[in-house]
Amino acid sequence: MTVKELLEQSNINLEVIHMGNPEAVITEPYCCDLLSIAMGNAPASSAWCTVMSNMNTLAVASLTECACVLLCHNVSVDENMKLKAVSENINVLRTPDSIFTTALEVYKKLHENTDL
């Protein structure tokens, strides 16, 4: 599933902060709010669900090659983060949903045609 498909076809209420590469493929959700842990463990092509909304989050997303960052609990995003997302071409979306609910919905969308 691509980030664009997640945005258009999932049950997640998503707001686009920046859509850098809508065709980036999502392979799994990843949940973590500790940047140092995410830096070493976030799988490439994952949809990273977090409440960490700062420039360092984008640095980790770039380093780990996440498909997108899903900011949960409607955390605020400052202008510097938006500008960095644009300059680094990183997909950043925001939802009022919890990290668990968001990751579960990504997982269900990825596996909707398989027996769980």
PDB file of N, CA and C in Angstrom:
ATOM      1  N   MET A   1       0.836  -1.163   0.000  1.00  0.00           N
ATOM      2  CA  MET A   1       0.000   0.000   0.000  1.00  0.00           C
ATOM      3  C   MET A   1       0.892   1.240   0.000  1.00  0.00           C
ATOM      4  N   THR A   2       0.503   2.237  -0.736  1.00  0.00           N
ATOM      5  CA  THR A   2       1.255   3.485  -0.769  1.00  0.00           C
ATOM      6  C   THR A   2       0.702   4.466   0.275  1.00  0.00           C
ATOM      7  N   VAL A   3       1.452   5.509   0.536  1.00  0.00           N
ATOM      8  CA  VAL A   3       0.996   6.540   1.456  1.00  0.00           C
ATOM      9  C   VAL A   3      -0.277   7.183   0.906  1.00  0.00           C
ATOM     10  N   LYS A   4      -0.325   7.394  -0.380  1.00  0.00           N
ATOM     11  CA  LYS A   4      -1.521   7.962  -1.022  1.00  0.00           C
ATOM     12  C   LYS A   4      -2.733   7.064  -0.801  1.00  0.00           C
ATOM     13  N   GLU A   5      -2.552   5.764  -0.946  1.00  0.00           N
ATOM     14  CA  GLU A   5      -3.653   4.824  -0.724  1.00  0.00           C
ATOM     15  C   GLU A   5      -4.090   4.834   0.740  1.00  0.00           C
ATOM     16  N   LEU A   6      -3.147   4.923   1.650  1.00  0.00           N
ATOM     17  CA  LEU A   6      -3.491   5.020   3.066  1.00  0.00           C
ATOM     18  C   LEU A   6      -4.353   6.250   3.305  1.00  0.00           C
ATOM     19  N   LEU A   7      -3.960   7.346   2.743  1.00  0.00           N
ATOM     20  CA  LEU A   7      -4.688   8.599   2.912  1.00  0.00           C
ATOM     21  C   LEU A   7      -6.095   8.506   2.329  1.00  0.00           C
ATOM     22  N   GLU A   8      -6.223   7.902   1.173  1.00  0.00           N
ATOM     23  CA  GLU A   8      -7.501   7.871   0.461  1.00  0.00           C
ATOM     24  C   GLU A   8      -8.424   6.730   0.873  1.00  0.00           C
ATOM     25  N   GLN A   9      -7.867   5.607   1.340  1.00  0.00           N
ATOM     26  CA  GLN A   9      -8.685   4.414   1.505  1.00  0.00           C
ATOM     27  C   GLN A   9      -8.775   3.878   2.927  1.00  0.00           C
ATOM     28  N   SER A  10      -8.087   4.456   3.862  1.00  0.00           N
ATOM     29  CA  SER A  10      -8.119   3.905   5.221  1.00  0.00           C
ATOM     30  C   SER A  10      -9.228   4.554   6.033  1.00  0.00           C
ATOM     31  N   ASN A  11      -9.483   3.986   7.191  1.00  0.00           N
ATOM     32  CA  ASN A  11     -10.466   4.528   8.124  1.00  0.00           C
ATOM     33  C   ASN A  11      -9.852   5.535   9.085  1.00  0.00           C
ATOM     34  N   ILE A  12      -8.622   5.928   8.819  1.00  0.00           N
ATOM     35  CA  ILE A  12      -7.928   6.869   9.706  1.00  0.00           C
ATOM     36  C   ILE A  12      -8.232   8.297   9.254  1.00  0.00           C
ATOM     37  N   ASN A  13      -8.582   9.134  10.209  1.00  0.00           N
ATOM     38  CA  ASN A  13      -8.808  10.547   9.934  1.00  0.00           C
ATOM     39  C   ASN A  13      -7.441  11.215   9.839  1.00  0.00           C
ATOM     40  N   LEU A  14      -6.952  11.456   8.621  1.00  0.00           N
ATOM     41  CA  LEU A  14      -5.605  11.970   8.418  1.00  0.00           C
ATOM     42  C   LEU A  14      -5.618  13.370   7.811  1.00  0.00           C
ATOM     43  N   GLU A  15      -4.767  14.213   8.349  1.00  0.00           N
ATOM     44  CA  GLU A  15      -4.520  15.539   7.802  1.00  0.00           C
ATOM     45  C   GLU A  15      -3.116  15.536   7.214  1.00  0.00           C
ATOM     46  N   VAL A  16      -2.983  16.033   6.010  1.00  0.00           N
ATOM     47  CA  VAL A  16      -1.668  16.091   5.371  1.00  0.00           C
ATOM     48  C   VAL A  16      -0.931  17.321   5.881  1.00  0.00           C
ATOM     49  N   ILE A  17       0.225  17.085   6.474  1.00  0.00           N
ATOM     50  CA  ILE A  17       1.129  18.172   6.842  1.00  0.00           C
ATOM     51  C   ILE A  17       2.049  18.441   5.652  1.00  0.00           C
ATOM     52  N   HIS A  18       2.602  17.369   5.090  1.00  0.00           N
ATOM     53  CA  HIS A  18       3.354  17.455   3.837  1.00  0.00           C
ATOM     54  C   HIS A  18       3.342  16.093   3.155  1.00  0.00           C
ATOM     55  N   MET A  19       3.061  16.106   1.869  1.00  0.00           N
ATOM     56  CA  MET A  19       3.092  14.883   1.076  1.00  0.00           C
ATOM     57  C   MET A  19       4.258  15.003   0.103  1.00  0.00           C
ATOM     58  N   GLY A  20       5.383  14.433   0.506  1.00  0.00           N
ATOM     59  CA  GLY A  20       6.592  14.519  -0.307  1.00  0.00           C
ATOM     60  C   GLY A  20       6.654  13.468  -1.392  1.00  0.00           C
ATOM     61  N   ASN A  21       6.252  12.244  -1.056  1.00  0.00           N
ATOM     62  CA  ASN A  21       6.297  11.139  -2.013  1.00  0.00           C
ATOM     63  C   ASN A  21       5.066  10.260  -1.788  1.00  0.00           C
ATOM     64  N   PRO A  22       3.949  10.601  -2.426  1.00  0.00           N
ATOM     65  CA  PRO A  22       2.717   9.848  -2.200  1.00  0.00           C
ATOM     66  C   PRO A  22       2.798   8.387  -2.626  1.00  0.00           C
ATOM     67  N   GLU A  23       3.754   8.044  -3.470  1.00  0.00           N
ATOM     68  CA  GLU A  23       3.884   6.664  -3.943  1.00  0.00           C
ATOM     69  C   GLU A  23       4.821   5.825  -3.071  1.00  0.00           C
ATOM     70  N   ALA A  24       5.314   6.377  -1.975  1.00  0.00           N
ATOM     71  CA  ALA A  24       6.148   5.596  -1.054  1.00  0.00           C
ATOM     72  C   ALA A  24       5.332   4.418  -0.534  1.00  0.00           C
ATOM     73  N   VAL A  25       5.938   3.252  -0.539  1.00  0.00           N
ATOM     74  CA  VAL A  25       5.242   2.025  -0.146  1.00  0.00           C
ATOM     75  C   VAL A  25       5.379   1.796   1.358  1.00  0.00           C
ATOM     76  N   ILE A  26       4.250   1.516   1.994  1.00  0.00           N
ATOM     77  CA  ILE A  26       4.214   1.187   3.418  1.00  0.00           C
ATOM     78  C   ILE A  26       4.188  -0.328   3.546  1.00  0.00           C
ATOM     79  N   THR A  27       5.100  -0.869   4.348  1.00  0.00           N
ATOM     80  CA  THR A  27       5.142  -2.315   4.551  1.00  0.00           C
ATOM     81  C   THR A  27       4.628  -2.745   5.918  1.00  0.00           C
ATOM     82  N   GLU A  28       4.670  -1.830   6.903  1.00  0.00           N
ATOM     83  CA  GLU A  28       4.201  -2.164   8.248  1.00  0.00           C
ATOM     84  C   GLU A  28       4.113  -0.899   9.085  1.00  0.00           C
ATOM     85  N   PRO A  29       3.292  -0.930  10.148  1.00  0.00           N
ATOM     86  CA  PRO A  29       3.312   0.193  11.082  1.00  0.00           C
ATOM     87  C   PRO A  29       4.457   0.012  12.076  1.00  0.00           C
ATOM     88  N   TYR A  30       4.918   1.114  12.618  1.00  0.00           N
ATOM     89  CA  TYR A  30       5.958   1.079  13.649  1.00  0.00           C
ATOM     90  C   TYR A  30       5.589   2.117  14.697  1.00  0.00           C
ATOM     91  N   CYS A  31       5.632   1.742  15.965  1.00  0.00           N
ATOM     92  CA  CYS A  31       5.261   2.629  17.069  1.00  0.00           C
ATOM     93  C   CYS A  31       6.448   2.856  17.986  1.00  0.00           C
ATOM     94  N   CYS A  32       6.796   4.127  18.191  1.00  0.00           N
ATOM     95  CA  CYS A  32       7.876   4.439  19.116  1.00  0.00           C
ATOM     96  C   CYS A  32       7.936   5.948  19.321  1.00  0.00           C
ATOM     97  N   ASP A  33       8.141   6.362  20.574  1.00  0.00           N
ATOM     98  CA  ASP A  33       8.289   7.776  20.885  1.00  0.00           C
ATOM     99  C   ASP A  33       9.688   8.133  21.355  1.00  0.00           C
ATOM    100  N   LEU A  34      10.578   7.170  21.418  1.00  0.00           N
ATOM    101  CA  LEU A  34      11.967   7.457  21.776  1.00  0.00           C
ATOM    102  C   LEU A  34      12.791   7.490  20.489  1.00  0.00           C
ATOM    103  N   LEU A  35      13.307   8.652  20.170  1.00  0.00           N
ATOM    104  CA  LEU A  35      14.015   8.812  18.901  1.00  0.00           C
ATOM    105  C   LEU A  35      15.217   7.895  18.787  1.00  0.00           C
ATOM    106  N   SER A  36      15.929   7.690  19.879  1.00  0.00           N
ATOM    107  CA  SER A  36      17.116   6.834  19.820  1.00  0.00           C
ATOM    108  C   SER A  36      16.734   5.383  19.535  1.00  0.00           C
ATOM    109  N   ILE A  37      15.616   4.934  20.051  1.00  0.00           N
ATOM    110  CA  ILE A  37      15.145   3.573  19.776  1.00  0.00           C
ATOM    111  C   ILE A  37      14.653   3.483  18.327  1.00  0.00           C
ATOM    112  N   ALA A  38      13.886   4.465  17.890  1.00  0.00           N
ATOM    113  CA  ALA A  38      13.381   4.466  16.519  1.00  0.00           C
ATOM    114  C   ALA A  38      14.533   4.514  15.513  1.00  0.00           C
ATOM    115  N   MET A  39      15.569   5.255  15.835  1.00  0.00           N
ATOM    116  CA  MET A  39      16.707   5.374  14.925  1.00  0.00           C
ATOM    117  C   MET A  39      17.342   4.017  14.644  1.00  0.00           C
ATOM    118  N   GLY A  40      17.384   3.164  15.633  1.00  0.00           N
ATOM    119  CA  GLY A  40      18.003   1.860  15.452  1.00  0.00           C
ATOM    120  C   GLY A  40      17.049   0.749  15.073  1.00  0.00           C
ATOM    121  N   ASN A  41      15.737   1.006  15.129  1.00  0.00           N
ATOM    122  CA  ASN A  41      14.791  -0.088  14.954  1.00  0.00           C
ATOM    123  C   ASN A  41      13.656   0.144  13.966  1.00  0.00           C
ATOM    124  N   ALA A  42      13.399   1.361  13.578  1.00  0.00           N
ATOM    125  CA  ALA A  42      12.289   1.599  12.652  1.00  0.00           C
ATOM    126  C   ALA A  42      12.596   0.963  11.301  1.00  0.00           C
ATOM    127  N   PRO A  43      11.734   0.082  10.835  1.00  0.00           N
ATOM    128  CA  PRO A  43      11.977  -0.558   9.546  1.00  0.00           C
ATOM    129  C   PRO A  43      11.823   0.431   8.384  1.00  0.00           C
ATOM    130  N   ALA A  44      12.644   0.268   7.385  1.00  0.00           N
ATOM    131  CA  ALA A  44      12.475   1.060   6.167  1.00  0.00           C
ATOM    132  C   ALA A  44      11.077   0.779   5.621  1.00  0.00           C
ATOM    133  N   SER A  45      10.475   1.766   5.046  1.00  0.00           N
ATOM    134  CA  SER A  45       9.138   1.688   4.450  1.00  0.00           C
ATOM    135  C   SER A  45       8.017   1.538   5.477  1.00  0.00           C
ATOM    136  N   SER A  46       8.301   1.798   6.735  1.00  0.00           N
ATOM    137  CA  SER A  46       7.248   1.703   7.746  1.00  0.00           C
ATOM    138  C   SER A  46       6.459   3.012   7.829  1.00  0.00           C
ATOM    139  N   ALA A  47       5.255   2.901   8.403  1.00  0.00           N
ATOM    140  CA  ALA A  47       4.461   4.065   8.766  1.00  0.00           C
ATOM    141  C   ALA A  47       4.721   4.277  10.250  1.00  0.00           C
ATOM    142  N   TRP A  48       5.526   5.265  10.579  1.00  0.00           N
ATOM    143  CA  TRP A  48       5.973   5.491  11.952  1.00  0.00           C
ATOM    144  C   TRP A  48       4.910   6.297  12.695  1.00  0.00           C
ATOM    145  N   CYS A  49       4.283   5.680  13.680  1.00  0.00           N
ATOM    146  CA  CYS A  49       3.254   6.311  14.504  1.00  0.00           C
ATOM    147  C   CYS A  49       3.908   6.838  15.778  1.00  0.00           C
ATOM    148  N   THR A  50       3.775   8.141  16.013  1.00  0.00           N
ATOM    149  CA  THR A  50       4.466   8.766  17.137  1.00  0.00           C
ATOM    150  C   THR A  50       3.755  10.048  17.563  1.00  0.00           C
ATOM    151  N   VAL A  51       4.120  10.554  18.725  1.00  0.00           N
ATOM    152  CA  VAL A  51       3.669  11.871  19.167  1.00  0.00           C
ATOM    153  C   VAL A  51       4.829  12.867  19.162  1.00  0.00           C
ATOM    154  N   MET A  52       5.985  12.426  18.754  1.00  0.00           N
ATOM    155  CA  MET A  52       7.163  13.294  18.714  1.00  0.00           C
ATOM    156  C   MET A  52       7.109  14.169  17.461  1.00  0.00           C
ATOM    157  N   SER A  53       6.790  15.420  17.652  1.00  0.00           N
ATOM    158  CA  SER A  53       6.629  16.324  16.500  1.00  0.00           C
ATOM    159  C   SER A  53       7.690  17.415  16.531  1.00  0.00           C
ATOM    160  N   ASN A  54       8.899  17.029  16.166  1.00  0.00           N
ATOM    161  CA  ASN A  54       9.967  18.022  16.095  1.00  0.00           C
ATOM    162  C   ASN A  54      10.916  17.682  14.945  1.00  0.00           C
ATOM    163  N   MET A  55      11.869  18.533  14.739  1.00  0.00           N
ATOM    164  CA  MET A  55      12.790  18.362  13.611  1.00  0.00           C
ATOM    165  C   MET A  55      13.610  17.086  13.743  1.00  0.00           C
ATOM    166  N   ASN A  56      13.929  16.671  14.965  1.00  0.00           N
ATOM    167  CA  ASN A  56      14.696  15.443  15.143  1.00  0.00           C
ATOM    168  C   ASN A  56      13.913  14.218  14.680  1.00  0.00           C
ATOM    169  N   THR A  57      12.603  14.266  14.811  1.00  0.00           N
ATOM    170  CA  THR A  57      11.753  13.185  14.305  1.00  0.00           C
ATOM    171  C   THR A  57      11.954  13.035  12.802  1.00  0.00           C
ATOM    172  N   LEU A  58      12.017  14.142  12.108  1.00  0.00           N
ATOM    173  CA  LEU A  58      12.211  14.091  10.652  1.00  0.00           C
ATOM    174  C   LEU A  58      13.598  13.582  10.298  1.00  0.00           C
ATOM    175  N   ALA A  59      14.586  13.918  11.103  1.00  0.00           N
ATOM    176  CA  ALA A  59      15.939  13.407  10.857  1.00  0.00           C
ATOM    177  C   ALA A  59      15.959  11.889  10.977  1.00  0.00           C
ATOM    178  N   VAL A  60      15.283  11.355  11.990  1.00  0.00           N
ATOM    179  CA  VAL A  60      15.227   9.910  12.183  1.00  0.00           C
ATOM    180  C   VAL A  60      14.419   9.268  11.055  1.00  0.00           C
ATOM    181  N   ALA A  61      13.320   9.887  10.663  1.00  0.00           N
ATOM    182  CA  ALA A  61      12.509   9.350   9.566  1.00  0.00           C
ATOM    183  C   ALA A  61      13.319   9.279   8.273  1.00  0.00           C
ATOM    184  N   SER A  62      14.120  10.280   8.025  1.00  0.00           N
ATOM    185  CA  SER A  62      14.969  10.289   6.841  1.00  0.00           C
ATOM    186  C   SER A  62      16.037   9.213   6.923  1.00  0.00           C
ATOM    187  N   LEU A  63      16.670   9.118   8.076  1.00  0.00           N
ATOM    188  CA  LEU A  63      17.730   8.136   8.283  1.00  0.00           C
ATOM    189  C   LEU A  63      17.225   6.704   8.131  1.00  0.00           C
ATOM    190  N   THR A  64      16.052   6.431   8.657  1.00  0.00           N
ATOM    191  CA  THR A  64      15.508   5.070   8.628  1.00  0.00           C
ATOM    192  C   THR A  64      14.700   4.774   7.370  1.00  0.00           C
ATOM    193  N   GLU A  65      14.494   5.794   6.556  1.00  0.00           N
ATOM    194  CA  GLU A  65      13.748   5.664   5.300  1.00  0.00           C
ATOM    195  C   GLU A  65      12.312   5.195   5.508  1.00  0.00           C
ATOM    196  N   CYS A  66      11.667   5.756   6.534  1.00  0.00           N
ATOM    197  CA  CYS A  66      10.251   5.471   6.764  1.00  0.00           C
ATOM    198  C   CYS A  66       9.431   5.987   5.583  1.00  0.00           C
ATOM    199  N   ALA A  67       8.350   5.299   5.289  1.00  0.00           N
ATOM    200  CA  ALA A  67       7.466   5.746   4.210  1.00  0.00           C
ATOM    201  C   ALA A  67       6.744   7.027   4.608  1.00  0.00           C
ATOM    202  N   CYS A  68       6.398   7.118   5.900  1.00  0.00           N
ATOM    203  CA  CYS A  68       5.715   8.316   6.383  1.00  0.00           C
ATOM    204  C   CYS A  68       5.779   8.379   7.903  1.00  0.00           C
ATOM    205  N   VAL A  69       5.566   9.571   8.406  1.00  0.00           N
ATOM    206  CA  VAL A  69       5.430   9.800   9.840  1.00  0.00           C
ATOM    207  C   VAL A  69       3.961  10.113  10.082  1.00  0.00           C
ATOM    208  N   LEU A  70       3.340   9.358  10.979  1.00  0.00           N
ATOM    209  CA  LEU A  70       1.952   9.595  11.362  1.00  0.00           C
ATOM    210  C   LEU A  70       1.948  10.182  12.769  1.00  0.00           C
ATOM    211  N   LEU A  71       1.707  11.475  12.868  1.00  0.00           N
ATOM    212  CA  LEU A  71       1.680  12.160  14.154  1.00  0.00           C
ATOM    213  C   LEU A  71       0.316  11.958  14.790  1.00  0.00           C
ATOM    214  N   CYS A  72       0.302  11.344  15.953  1.00  0.00           N
ATOM    215  CA  CYS A  72      -0.944  10.949  16.607  1.00  0.00           C
ATOM    216  C   CYS A  72      -1.346  11.932  17.702  1.00  0.00           C
ATOM    217  N   HIS A  73      -2.572  11.789  18.192  1.00  0.00           N
ATOM    218  CA  HIS A  73      -3.127  12.627  19.256  1.00  0.00           C
ATOM    219  C   HIS A  73      -3.166  14.109  18.862  1.00  0.00           C
ATOM    220  N   ASN A  74      -3.228  14.372  17.560  1.00  0.00           N
ATOM    221  CA  ASN A  74      -3.302  15.754  17.057  1.00  0.00           C
ATOM    222  C   ASN A  74      -2.222  16.656  17.637  1.00  0.00           C
ATOM    223  N   VAL A  75      -1.012  16.112  17.794  1.00  0.00           N
ATOM    224  CA  VAL A  75       0.073  16.937  18.337  1.00  0.00           C
ATOM    225  C   VAL A  75       0.324  18.129  17.420  1.00  0.00           C
ATOM    226  N   SER A  76       0.768  19.202  18.003  1.00  0.00           N
ATOM    227  CA  SER A  76       1.017  20.411  17.218  1.00  0.00           C
ATOM    228  C   SER A  76       2.288  20.251  16.384  1.00  0.00           C
ATOM    229  N   VAL A  77       2.285  20.927  15.268  1.00  0.00           N
ATOM    230  CA  VAL A  77       3.426  20.919  14.348  1.00  0.00           C
ATOM    231  C   VAL A  77       3.806  22.364  14.087  1.00  0.00           C
ATOM    232  N   ASP A  78       5.051  22.722  14.413  1.00  0.00           N
ATOM    233  CA  ASP A  78       5.449  24.108  14.189  1.00  0.00           C
ATOM    234  C   ASP A  78       5.895  24.320  12.741  1.00  0.00           C
ATOM    235  N   GLU A  79       6.041  25.569  12.397  1.00  0.00           N
ATOM    236  CA  GLU A  79       6.387  25.928  11.016  1.00  0.00           C
ATOM    237  C   GLU A  79       7.742  25.378  10.603  1.00  0.00           C
ATOM    238  N   ASN A  80       8.700  25.333  11.532  1.00  0.00           N
ATOM    239  CA  ASN A  80      10.024  24.789  11.200  1.00  0.00           C
ATOM    240  C   ASN A  80       9.954  23.324  10.815  1.00  0.00           C
ATOM    241  N   MET A  81       9.112  22.563  11.502  1.00  0.00           N
ATOM    242  CA  MET A  81       8.963  21.148  11.150  1.00  0.00           C
ATOM    243  C   MET A  81       8.333  21.011   9.764  1.00  0.00           C
ATOM    244  N   LYS A  82       7.331  21.829   9.484  1.00  0.00           N
ATOM    245  CA  LYS A  82       6.699  21.789   8.156  1.00  0.00           C
ATOM    246  C   LYS A  82       7.717  22.105   7.061  1.00  0.00           C
ATOM    247  N   LEU A  83       8.513  23.132   7.281  1.00  0.00           N
ATOM    248  CA  LEU A  83       9.523  23.514   6.284  1.00  0.00           C
ATOM    249  C   LEU A  83      10.568  22.413   6.099  1.00  0.00           C
ATOM    250  N   LYS A  84      10.948  21.759   7.186  1.00  0.00           N
ATOM    251  CA  LYS A  84      11.923  20.662   7.108  1.00  0.00           C
ATOM    252  C   LYS A  84      11.330  19.465   6.365  1.00  0.00           C
ATOM    253  N   ALA A  85      10.065  19.173   6.591  1.00  0.00           N
ATOM    254  CA  ALA A  85       9.402  18.085   5.864  1.00  0.00           C
ATOM    255  C   ALA A  85       9.414  18.367   4.369  1.00  0.00           C
ATOM    256  N   VAL A  86       9.182  19.617   4.009  1.00  0.00           N
ATOM    257  CA  VAL A  86       9.209  19.997   2.596  1.00  0.00           C
ATOM    258  C   VAL A  86      10.618  19.869   2.037  1.00  0.00           C
ATOM    259  N   SER A  87      11.603  20.406   2.743  1.00  0.00           N
ATOM    260  CA  SER A  87      12.972  20.395   2.227  1.00  0.00           C
ATOM    261  C   SER A  87      13.552  18.982   2.137  1.00  0.00           C
ATOM    262  N   GLU A  88      13.112  18.079   3.037  1.00  0.00           N
ATOM    263  CA  GLU A  88      13.614  16.708   3.035  1.00  0.00           C
ATOM    264  C   GLU A  88      12.683  15.741   2.288  1.00  0.00           C
ATOM    265  N   ASN A  89      11.554  16.275   1.781  1.00  0.00           N
ATOM    266  CA  ASN A  89      10.597  15.477   1.010  1.00  0.00           C
ATOM    267  C   ASN A  89      10.058  14.294   1.820  1.00  0.00           C
ATOM    268  N   ILE A  90       9.662  14.554   3.071  1.00  0.00           N
ATOM    269  CA  ILE A  90       9.174  13.511   3.971  1.00  0.00           C
ATOM    270  C   ILE A  90       7.658  13.603   4.089  1.00  0.00           C
ATOM    271  N   ASN A  91       6.994  12.460   3.954  1.00  0.00           N
ATOM    272  CA  ASN A  91       5.547  12.389   4.130  1.00  0.00           C
ATOM    273  C   ASN A  91       5.221  12.506   5.613  1.00  0.00           C
ATOM    274  N   VAL A  92       4.438  13.513   5.965  1.00  0.00           N
ATOM    275  CA  VAL A  92       4.024  13.715   7.357  1.00  0.00           C
ATOM    276  C   VAL A  92       2.517  13.933   7.368  1.00  0.00           C
ATOM    277  N   LEU A  93       1.845  13.083   8.148  1.00  0.00           N
ATOM    278  CA  LEU A  93       0.397  13.189   8.293  1.00  0.00           C
ATOM    279  C   LEU A  93       0.063  13.250   9.776  1.00  0.00           C
ATOM    280  N   ARG A  94      -1.103  13.814  10.093  1.00  0.00           N
ATOM    281  CA  ARG A  94      -1.498  13.948  11.491  1.00  0.00           C
ATOM    282  C   ARG A  94      -2.908  13.400  11.665  1.00  0.00           C
ATOM    283  N   THR A  95      -3.136  12.809  12.851  1.00  0.00           N
ATOM    284  CA  THR A  95      -4.445  12.248  13.177  1.00  0.00           C
ATOM    285  C   THR A  95      -4.791  12.546  14.634  1.00  0.00           C
ATOM    286  N   PRO A  96      -6.069  12.665  14.936  1.00  0.00           N
ATOM    287  CA  PRO A  96      -6.460  12.815  16.340  1.00  0.00           C
ATOM    288  C   PRO A  96      -6.438  11.479  17.090  1.00  0.00           C
ATOM    289  N   ASP A  97      -6.307  10.383  16.366  1.00  0.00           N
ATOM    290  CA  ASP A  97      -6.350   9.057  16.973  1.00  0.00           C
ATOM    291  C   ASP A  97      -5.088   8.746  17.772  1.00  0.00           C
ATOM    292  N   SER A  98      -5.197   7.756  18.628  1.00  0.00           N
ATOM    293  CA  SER A  98      -4.059   7.312  19.434  1.00  0.00           C
ATOM    294  C   SER A  98      -3.045   6.570  18.573  1.00  0.00           C
ATOM    295  N   ILE A  99      -1.870   6.384  19.121  1.00  0.00           N
ATOM    296  CA  ILE A  99      -0.835   5.624  18.415  1.00  0.00           C
ATOM    297  C   ILE A  99      -1.313   4.201  18.156  1.00  0.00           C
ATOM    298  N   PHE A 100      -1.904   3.570  19.175  1.00  0.00           N
ATOM    299  CA  PHE A 100      -2.375   2.197  19.017  1.00  0.00           C
ATOM    300  C   PHE A 100      -3.432   2.094  17.920  1.00  0.00           C
ATOM    301  N   THR A 101      -4.433   2.937  17.976  1.00  0.00           N
ATOM    302  CA  THR A 101      -5.516   2.892  16.988  1.00  0.00           C
ATOM    303  C   THR A 101      -4.986   3.145  15.583  1.00  0.00           C
ATOM    304  N   THR A 102      -4.091   4.102  15.460  1.00  0.00           N
ATOM    305  CA  THR A 102      -3.524   4.431  14.149  1.00  0.00           C
ATOM    306  C   THR A 102      -2.725   3.257  13.594  1.00  0.00           C
ATOM    307  N   ALA A 103      -1.849   2.690  14.413  1.00  0.00           N
ATOM    308  CA  ALA A 103      -1.047   1.551  13.958  1.00  0.00           C
ATOM    309  C   ALA A 103      -1.931   0.354  13.627  1.00  0.00           C
ATOM    310  N   LEU A 104      -2.955   0.119  14.428  1.00  0.00           N
ATOM    311  CA  LEU A 104      -3.870  -0.991  14.161  1.00  0.00           C
ATOM    312  C   LEU A 104      -4.584  -0.800  12.833  1.00  0.00           C
ATOM    313  N   GLU A 105      -5.024   0.396  12.552  1.00  0.00           N
ATOM    314  CA  GLU A 105      -5.710   0.659  11.278  1.00  0.00           C
ATOM    315  C   GLU A 105      -4.765   0.489  10.089  1.00  0.00           C
ATOM    316  N   VAL A 106      -3.517   0.919  10.234  1.00  0.00           N
ATOM    317  CA  VAL A 106      -2.532   0.694   9.166  1.00  0.00           C
ATOM    318  C   VAL A 106      -2.349  -0.803   8.956  1.00  0.00           C
ATOM    319  N   TYR A 107      -2.193  -1.532  10.048  1.00  0.00           N
ATOM    320  CA  TYR A 107      -1.999  -2.982   9.967  1.00  0.00           C
ATOM    321  C   TYR A 107      -3.205  -3.654   9.296  1.00  0.00           C
ATOM    322  N   LYS A 108      -4.412  -3.271   9.700  1.00  0.00           N
ATOM    323  CA  LYS A 108      -5.612  -3.863   9.110  1.00  0.00           C
ATOM    324  C   LYS A 108      -5.710  -3.551   7.622  1.00  0.00           C
ATOM    325  N   LYS A 109      -5.356  -2.351   7.239  1.00  0.00           N
ATOM    326  CA  LYS A 109      -5.399  -1.976   5.815  1.00  0.00           C
ATOM    327  C   LYS A 109      -4.379  -2.789   5.020  1.00  0.00           C
ATOM    328  N   LEU A 110      -3.208  -2.981   5.587  1.00  0.00           N
ATOM    329  CA  LEU A 110      -2.172  -3.764   4.905  1.00  0.00           C
ATOM    330  C   LEU A 110      -2.573  -5.224   4.742  1.00  0.00           C
ATOM    331  N   HIS A 111      -3.380  -5.732   5.653  1.00  0.00           N
ATOM    332  CA  HIS A 111      -3.742  -7.155   5.660  1.00  0.00           C
ATOM    333  C   HIS A 111      -5.220  -7.402   5.392  1.00  0.00           C
ATOM    334  N   GLU A 112      -5.900  -6.461   4.761  1.00  0.00           N
ATOM    335  CA  GLU A 112      -7.346  -6.578   4.599  1.00  0.00           C
ATOM    336  C   GLU A 112      -7.772  -7.751   3.725  1.00  0.00           C
ATOM    337  N   ASN A 113      -6.922  -8.225   2.871  1.00  0.00           N
ATOM    338  CA  ASN A 113      -7.279  -9.338   1.985  1.00  0.00           C
ATOM    339  C   ASN A 113      -6.664 -10.666   2.424  1.00  0.00           C
ATOM    340  N   THR A 114      -6.226 -10.722   3.686  1.00  0.00           N
ATOM    341  CA  THR A 114      -5.635 -11.964   4.202  1.00  0.00           C
ATOM    342  C   THR A 114      -6.351 -12.345   5.482  1.00  0.00           C
ATOM    343  N   ASP A 115      -6.237 -13.597   5.845  1.00  0.00           N
ATOM    344  CA  ASP A 115      -6.787 -14.048   7.118  1.00  0.00           C
ATOM    345  C   ASP A 115      -5.816 -13.685   8.226  1.00  0.00           C
ATOM    346  N   LEU A 116      -6.309 -12.962   9.217  1.00  0.00           N
ATOM    347  CA  LEU A 116      -5.449 -12.560  10.332  1.00  0.00           C
ATOM    348  C   LEU A 116      -5.429 -13.610  11.401  1.00  0.00           C
TER     349      LEU A 116
END
